[in-house]
N, C-alpha and C. Protein backbone atom coordinates (compact mmCIF):
# COMPACT_ATOMS: atom_id res chain seq x y z
N MET A 1 40.45 252.40 46.73
CA MET A 1 40.13 251.25 47.55
C MET A 1 38.80 250.66 47.09
N GLU A 2 38.69 249.37 47.16
CA GLU A 2 37.48 248.70 46.73
C GLU A 2 36.33 248.91 47.72
N ASP A 3 35.13 248.61 47.27
CA ASP A 3 33.95 248.74 48.12
C ASP A 3 34.05 247.73 49.26
N THR A 4 33.89 248.21 50.47
CA THR A 4 34.05 247.34 51.64
C THR A 4 32.73 247.12 52.37
N GLN A 5 31.61 247.38 51.70
CA GLN A 5 30.31 247.29 52.34
C GLN A 5 30.07 245.90 52.95
N LYS A 6 30.42 244.85 52.25
CA LYS A 6 30.21 243.49 52.77
C LYS A 6 31.06 243.28 54.03
N GLN A 7 32.31 243.70 53.97
CA GLN A 7 33.19 243.58 55.14
C GLN A 7 32.65 244.40 56.31
N ASP A 8 32.17 245.60 56.03
CA ASP A 8 31.61 246.46 57.07
C ASP A 8 30.43 245.77 57.75
N GLN A 9 29.57 245.13 56.98
CA GLN A 9 28.41 244.44 57.53
C GLN A 9 28.83 243.24 58.36
N GLN A 10 29.85 242.51 57.91
CA GLN A 10 30.34 241.36 58.67
C GLN A 10 30.88 241.79 60.02
N ILE A 11 31.67 242.85 60.03
CA ILE A 11 32.25 243.35 61.28
C ILE A 11 31.14 243.81 62.22
N ALA A 12 30.16 244.51 61.70
CA ALA A 12 29.06 245.02 62.52
C ALA A 12 28.32 243.91 63.25
N CYS A 13 28.21 242.75 62.63
CA CYS A 13 27.44 241.64 63.20
C CYS A 13 28.26 240.70 64.08
N MET A 14 29.58 240.84 64.04
CA MET A 14 30.41 239.94 64.85
C MET A 14 30.14 240.15 66.34
N ILE A 15 30.17 239.07 67.08
CA ILE A 15 29.95 239.12 68.53
C ILE A 15 31.31 239.31 69.21
N PHE A 16 31.42 240.37 70.00
CA PHE A 16 32.70 240.68 70.64
C PHE A 16 33.20 239.52 71.49
N SER A 17 32.32 238.86 72.23
CA SER A 17 32.76 237.77 73.11
C SER A 17 33.26 236.55 72.32
N ASP A 18 32.92 236.46 71.03
CA ASP A 18 33.47 235.38 70.19
C ASP A 18 34.88 235.72 69.73
N ILE A 19 35.19 237.00 69.60
CA ILE A 19 36.49 237.44 69.09
C ILE A 19 37.49 237.62 70.23
N TYR A 20 37.02 238.01 71.39
CA TYR A 20 37.91 238.26 72.52
C TYR A 20 38.85 237.08 72.82
N PRO A 21 38.35 235.83 72.87
CA PRO A 21 39.28 234.71 73.14
C PRO A 21 40.35 234.56 72.05
N LEU A 22 40.03 234.95 70.83
CA LEU A 22 41.02 234.89 69.75
C LEU A 22 42.12 235.93 69.98
N TYR A 23 41.72 237.13 70.38
CA TYR A 23 42.69 238.16 70.74
C TYR A 23 43.57 237.66 71.88
N LEU A 24 42.95 237.10 72.90
CA LEU A 24 43.68 236.63 74.08
C LEU A 24 44.67 235.53 73.71
N ALA A 25 44.23 234.57 72.92
CA ALA A 25 45.12 233.48 72.51
C ALA A 25 46.31 234.03 71.71
N LYS A 26 46.05 234.99 70.85
CA LYS A 26 47.11 235.57 70.03
C LYS A 26 48.18 236.23 70.90
N VAL A 27 47.76 237.04 71.86
CA VAL A 27 48.75 237.74 72.67
C VAL A 27 49.45 236.79 73.65
N GLU A 28 48.72 235.82 74.18
CA GLU A 28 49.34 234.88 75.12
C GLU A 28 50.37 233.98 74.42
N ARG A 29 50.11 233.61 73.17
CA ARG A 29 51.10 232.83 72.40
C ARG A 29 52.43 233.56 72.28
N LYS A 30 52.34 234.88 72.30
CA LYS A 30 53.55 235.71 72.15
C LYS A 30 54.09 236.20 73.49
N GLY A 31 53.60 235.62 74.59
CA GLY A 31 54.15 235.94 75.90
C GLY A 31 53.55 237.16 76.58
N ARG A 32 52.46 237.69 76.04
CA ARG A 32 51.80 238.83 76.68
C ARG A 32 50.66 238.30 77.55
N THR A 33 50.05 239.16 78.34
CA THR A 33 49.07 238.71 79.32
C THR A 33 47.66 239.22 79.03
N ALA A 34 46.70 238.57 79.68
CA ALA A 34 45.31 239.01 79.59
C ALA A 34 45.16 240.41 80.15
N LYS A 35 45.91 240.73 81.18
CA LYS A 35 45.86 242.06 81.79
C LYS A 35 46.33 243.12 80.78
N GLU A 36 47.37 242.82 80.02
CA GLU A 36 47.85 243.76 79.00
C GLU A 36 46.81 243.94 77.89
N LEU A 37 46.19 242.84 77.48
CA LEU A 37 45.14 242.93 76.47
C LEU A 37 44.00 243.79 76.97
N GLN A 38 43.61 243.57 78.21
CA GLN A 38 42.54 244.35 78.80
C GLN A 38 42.91 245.84 78.85
N GLU A 39 44.15 246.13 79.20
CA GLU A 39 44.61 247.52 79.25
C GLU A 39 44.48 248.21 77.89
N VAL A 40 44.83 247.49 76.85
CA VAL A 40 44.74 248.02 75.49
C VAL A 40 43.27 248.29 75.12
N ILE A 41 42.40 247.35 75.42
CA ILE A 41 40.98 247.51 75.09
C ILE A 41 40.37 248.66 75.88
N LEU A 42 40.71 248.75 77.17
CA LEU A 42 40.17 249.82 78.01
C LEU A 42 40.67 251.18 77.53
N TRP A 43 41.93 251.24 77.11
CA TRP A 43 42.49 252.50 76.60
C TRP A 43 41.71 252.96 75.36
N LEU A 44 41.48 252.04 74.44
CA LEU A 44 40.80 252.40 73.19
C LEU A 44 39.35 252.79 73.43
N THR A 45 38.65 252.05 74.27
CA THR A 45 37.19 252.21 74.38
C THR A 45 36.72 253.13 75.50
N GLY A 46 37.58 253.38 76.47
CA GLY A 46 37.16 254.18 77.62
C GLY A 46 36.35 253.39 78.63
N TYR A 47 36.18 252.10 78.40
CA TYR A 47 35.46 251.26 79.34
C TYR A 47 36.29 251.03 80.60
N ASN A 48 35.62 250.61 81.67
CA ASN A 48 36.33 250.12 82.84
C ASN A 48 36.22 248.59 82.82
N GLU A 49 36.87 247.93 83.76
CA GLU A 49 36.89 246.45 83.75
C GLU A 49 35.50 245.86 83.84
N MET A 50 34.66 246.45 84.70
CA MET A 50 33.31 245.93 84.89
C MET A 50 32.47 246.07 83.62
N THR A 51 32.57 247.21 82.97
CA THR A 51 31.81 247.43 81.73
C THR A 51 32.28 246.48 80.64
N LEU A 52 33.58 246.30 80.53
CA LEU A 52 34.11 245.37 79.53
C LEU A 52 33.58 243.97 79.78
N GLN A 53 33.60 243.52 81.03
CA GLN A 53 33.11 242.19 81.35
C GLN A 53 31.61 242.07 81.04
N THR A 54 30.87 243.12 81.30
CA THR A 54 29.44 243.12 80.99
C THR A 54 29.23 242.96 79.48
N MET A 55 30.04 243.66 78.69
CA MET A 55 29.94 243.55 77.23
C MET A 55 30.21 242.11 76.79
N ILE A 56 31.20 241.49 77.40
CA ILE A 56 31.53 240.09 77.07
C ILE A 56 30.38 239.18 77.49
N ASP A 57 29.91 239.36 78.71
CA ASP A 57 28.83 238.50 79.24
C ASP A 57 27.54 238.63 78.43
N ASN A 58 27.25 239.84 77.98
CA ASN A 58 26.00 240.09 77.23
C ASN A 58 26.10 239.76 75.75
N GLN A 59 27.25 239.31 75.32
CA GLN A 59 27.48 238.90 73.94
C GLN A 59 27.02 239.98 72.94
N VAL A 60 27.51 241.19 73.15
CA VAL A 60 27.15 242.29 72.26
C VAL A 60 27.87 242.18 70.92
N THR A 61 27.27 242.76 69.91
CA THR A 61 27.92 242.82 68.61
C THR A 61 28.97 243.92 68.63
N PHE A 62 29.81 243.94 67.62
CA PHE A 62 30.79 245.01 67.50
C PHE A 62 30.07 246.36 67.37
N THR A 63 28.91 246.37 66.73
CA THR A 63 28.15 247.61 66.61
C THR A 63 27.82 248.15 68.00
N GLU A 64 27.26 247.30 68.86
CA GLU A 64 26.91 247.72 70.22
C GLU A 64 28.16 248.05 71.03
N PHE A 65 29.19 247.24 70.87
CA PHE A 65 30.42 247.41 71.63
C PHE A 65 31.03 248.79 71.39
N PHE A 66 31.14 249.17 70.13
CA PHE A 66 31.76 250.46 69.81
C PHE A 66 30.79 251.63 69.94
N ALA A 67 29.48 251.39 69.80
CA ALA A 67 28.50 252.47 69.96
C ALA A 67 28.51 253.01 71.39
N LYS A 68 28.75 252.14 72.35
CA LYS A 68 28.74 252.55 73.76
C LYS A 68 30.12 253.02 74.24
N ALA A 69 31.11 252.87 73.40
CA ALA A 69 32.49 253.23 73.78
C ALA A 69 32.73 254.73 73.60
N THR A 70 33.70 255.21 74.36
CA THR A 70 34.22 256.57 74.16
C THR A 70 35.63 256.39 73.62
N ILE A 71 35.76 256.43 72.32
CA ILE A 71 37.05 256.14 71.68
C ILE A 71 38.09 257.16 72.11
N ASN A 72 39.24 256.66 72.50
CA ASN A 72 40.33 257.52 72.95
C ASN A 72 40.70 258.51 71.85
N PRO A 73 40.84 259.79 72.18
CA PRO A 73 41.18 260.78 71.15
C PRO A 73 42.52 260.50 70.47
N ASN A 74 43.42 259.80 71.15
CA ASN A 74 44.71 259.46 70.55
C ASN A 74 44.62 258.27 69.59
N ALA A 75 43.44 257.68 69.46
CA ALA A 75 43.28 256.56 68.53
C ALA A 75 43.60 256.99 67.10
N LYS A 76 43.40 258.27 66.81
CA LYS A 76 43.71 258.76 65.46
C LYS A 76 45.19 258.65 65.15
N LEU A 77 46.01 258.44 66.17
CA LEU A 77 47.45 258.26 65.97
C LEU A 77 47.81 256.84 65.54
N ILE A 78 46.83 255.94 65.57
CA ILE A 78 47.06 254.55 65.14
C ILE A 78 47.15 254.55 63.63
N LYS A 79 48.27 254.10 63.12
CA LYS A 79 48.50 254.10 61.67
C LYS A 79 49.05 252.73 61.27
N GLY A 80 48.96 252.46 60.00
CA GLY A 80 49.54 251.23 59.47
C GLY A 80 48.48 250.33 58.87
N LYS A 81 48.96 249.22 58.33
CA LYS A 81 48.07 248.29 57.63
C LYS A 81 47.60 247.18 58.56
N ILE A 82 46.34 246.84 58.36
CA ILE A 82 45.75 245.68 59.02
C ILE A 82 44.77 245.07 58.02
N CYS A 83 44.88 243.79 57.80
CA CYS A 83 44.02 243.09 56.84
C CYS A 83 44.07 243.73 55.46
N GLY A 84 45.23 244.28 55.10
CA GLY A 84 45.42 244.85 53.78
C GLY A 84 44.95 246.27 53.61
N TYR A 85 44.44 246.88 54.67
CA TYR A 85 43.94 248.25 54.60
C TYR A 85 44.71 249.14 55.57
N LYS A 86 44.98 250.37 55.15
CA LYS A 86 45.56 251.34 56.06
C LYS A 86 44.44 251.80 57.00
N VAL A 87 44.64 251.64 58.30
CA VAL A 87 43.57 251.98 59.24
C VAL A 87 43.18 253.45 59.15
N GLU A 88 44.13 254.29 58.86
CA GLU A 88 43.83 255.72 58.80
C GLU A 88 42.99 256.10 57.58
N ASP A 89 42.90 255.19 56.59
CA ASP A 89 42.14 255.47 55.37
C ASP A 89 40.75 254.83 55.36
N ILE A 90 40.42 254.05 56.37
CA ILE A 90 39.12 253.39 56.42
C ILE A 90 38.03 254.43 56.68
N LYS A 91 37.01 254.43 55.84
CA LYS A 91 35.97 255.46 55.89
C LYS A 91 34.84 255.15 56.87
N THR A 92 34.48 253.90 57.04
CA THR A 92 33.37 253.53 57.92
C THR A 92 33.85 253.55 59.38
N PRO A 93 33.27 254.40 60.22
CA PRO A 93 33.77 254.53 61.60
C PRO A 93 33.82 253.21 62.37
N LEU A 94 32.79 252.39 62.28
CA LEU A 94 32.79 251.12 63.02
C LEU A 94 33.92 250.22 62.55
N THR A 95 34.09 250.11 61.25
CA THR A 95 35.16 249.27 60.71
C THR A 95 36.52 249.82 61.13
N GLN A 96 36.66 251.14 61.09
CA GLN A 96 37.92 251.74 61.50
C GLN A 96 38.21 251.44 62.97
N GLN A 97 37.21 251.56 63.82
CA GLN A 97 37.40 251.30 65.24
C GLN A 97 37.76 249.84 65.49
N ALA A 98 37.10 248.93 64.79
CA ALA A 98 37.42 247.50 64.92
C ALA A 98 38.85 247.23 64.46
N ARG A 99 39.26 247.88 63.39
CA ARG A 99 40.63 247.71 62.88
C ARG A 99 41.65 248.38 63.79
N TYR A 100 41.27 249.47 64.45
CA TYR A 100 42.15 250.05 65.48
C TYR A 100 42.44 248.99 66.54
N LEU A 101 41.38 248.32 66.98
CA LEU A 101 41.56 247.28 68.00
C LEU A 101 42.43 246.15 67.48
N ASP A 102 42.18 245.72 66.25
CA ASP A 102 43.03 244.67 65.65
C ASP A 102 44.49 245.10 65.62
N LYS A 103 44.72 246.33 65.23
CA LYS A 103 46.09 246.86 65.12
C LYS A 103 46.76 246.88 66.50
N LEU A 104 46.04 247.33 67.52
CA LEU A 104 46.60 247.36 68.87
C LEU A 104 46.93 245.96 69.36
N VAL A 105 46.06 245.00 69.08
CA VAL A 105 46.30 243.61 69.48
C VAL A 105 47.54 243.07 68.75
N ASP A 106 47.67 243.38 67.47
CA ASP A 106 48.86 242.96 66.71
C ASP A 106 50.13 243.55 67.32
N GLU A 107 50.09 244.83 67.64
CA GLU A 107 51.27 245.47 68.22
C GLU A 107 51.63 244.85 69.57
N LEU A 108 50.62 244.54 70.36
CA LEU A 108 50.86 243.88 71.64
C LEU A 108 51.50 242.52 71.43
N ALA A 109 50.97 241.75 70.49
CA ALA A 109 51.50 240.42 70.20
C ALA A 109 52.92 240.48 69.64
N LYS A 110 53.25 241.56 68.95
CA LYS A 110 54.59 241.70 68.36
C LYS A 110 55.62 242.20 69.37
N GLY A 111 55.17 242.44 70.61
CA GLY A 111 56.12 242.79 71.66
C GLY A 111 56.41 244.27 71.81
N LYS A 112 55.62 245.12 71.18
CA LYS A 112 55.83 246.56 71.34
C LYS A 112 55.64 246.95 72.80
N LYS A 113 56.33 247.99 73.21
CA LYS A 113 56.18 248.50 74.57
C LYS A 113 54.80 249.13 74.71
N MET A 114 54.23 248.98 75.90
CA MET A 114 52.89 249.47 76.15
C MET A 114 52.77 250.97 75.90
N GLU A 115 53.81 251.74 76.23
CA GLU A 115 53.77 253.19 76.01
C GLU A 115 53.58 253.52 74.53
N LYS A 116 54.21 252.73 73.67
CA LYS A 116 54.09 252.95 72.23
C LYS A 116 52.70 252.54 71.74
N ILE A 117 52.22 251.40 72.24
CA ILE A 117 50.91 250.90 71.84
C ILE A 117 49.82 251.90 72.22
N LEU A 118 49.92 252.45 73.42
CA LEU A 118 48.89 253.35 73.92
C LEU A 118 49.11 254.80 73.48
N ARG A 119 50.03 254.99 72.55
CA ARG A 119 50.29 256.31 71.97
C ARG A 119 50.47 257.36 73.06
N ASP A 120 51.29 257.02 74.05
CA ASP A 120 51.57 257.93 75.15
C ASP A 120 52.41 259.09 74.62
N PRO A 121 51.91 260.32 74.71
CA PRO A 121 52.62 261.45 74.14
C PRO A 121 53.88 261.87 74.89
N LYS A 122 54.21 261.22 75.97
CA LYS A 122 55.41 261.57 76.77
C LYS A 122 56.68 261.36 75.99
């Protein structure tokens, strides 16, 4: 895999509240809801609704957003390609976590069942 240092730096500096509306628009275009998007984000990060809203209101970077998160232990079950990279092969933790979120949003937009998206072991 090529050096991704530039991409890693770009992701680290992105403002979560700038990207959130893009996620929302993507899932709503495909008939999913803001509540479902929120459920996916809360599952991945361990945040509650109030903390997520605070992160949005405070315009935190992806670095801050993921540094304060408690990543779900089942996130390691997220596999597949996003932006041309296999998420399971990404070496930089922040970039991998951001790509986990991208992958979950894609799965939501593609109509996957929530149990599958949230890697429910049942």
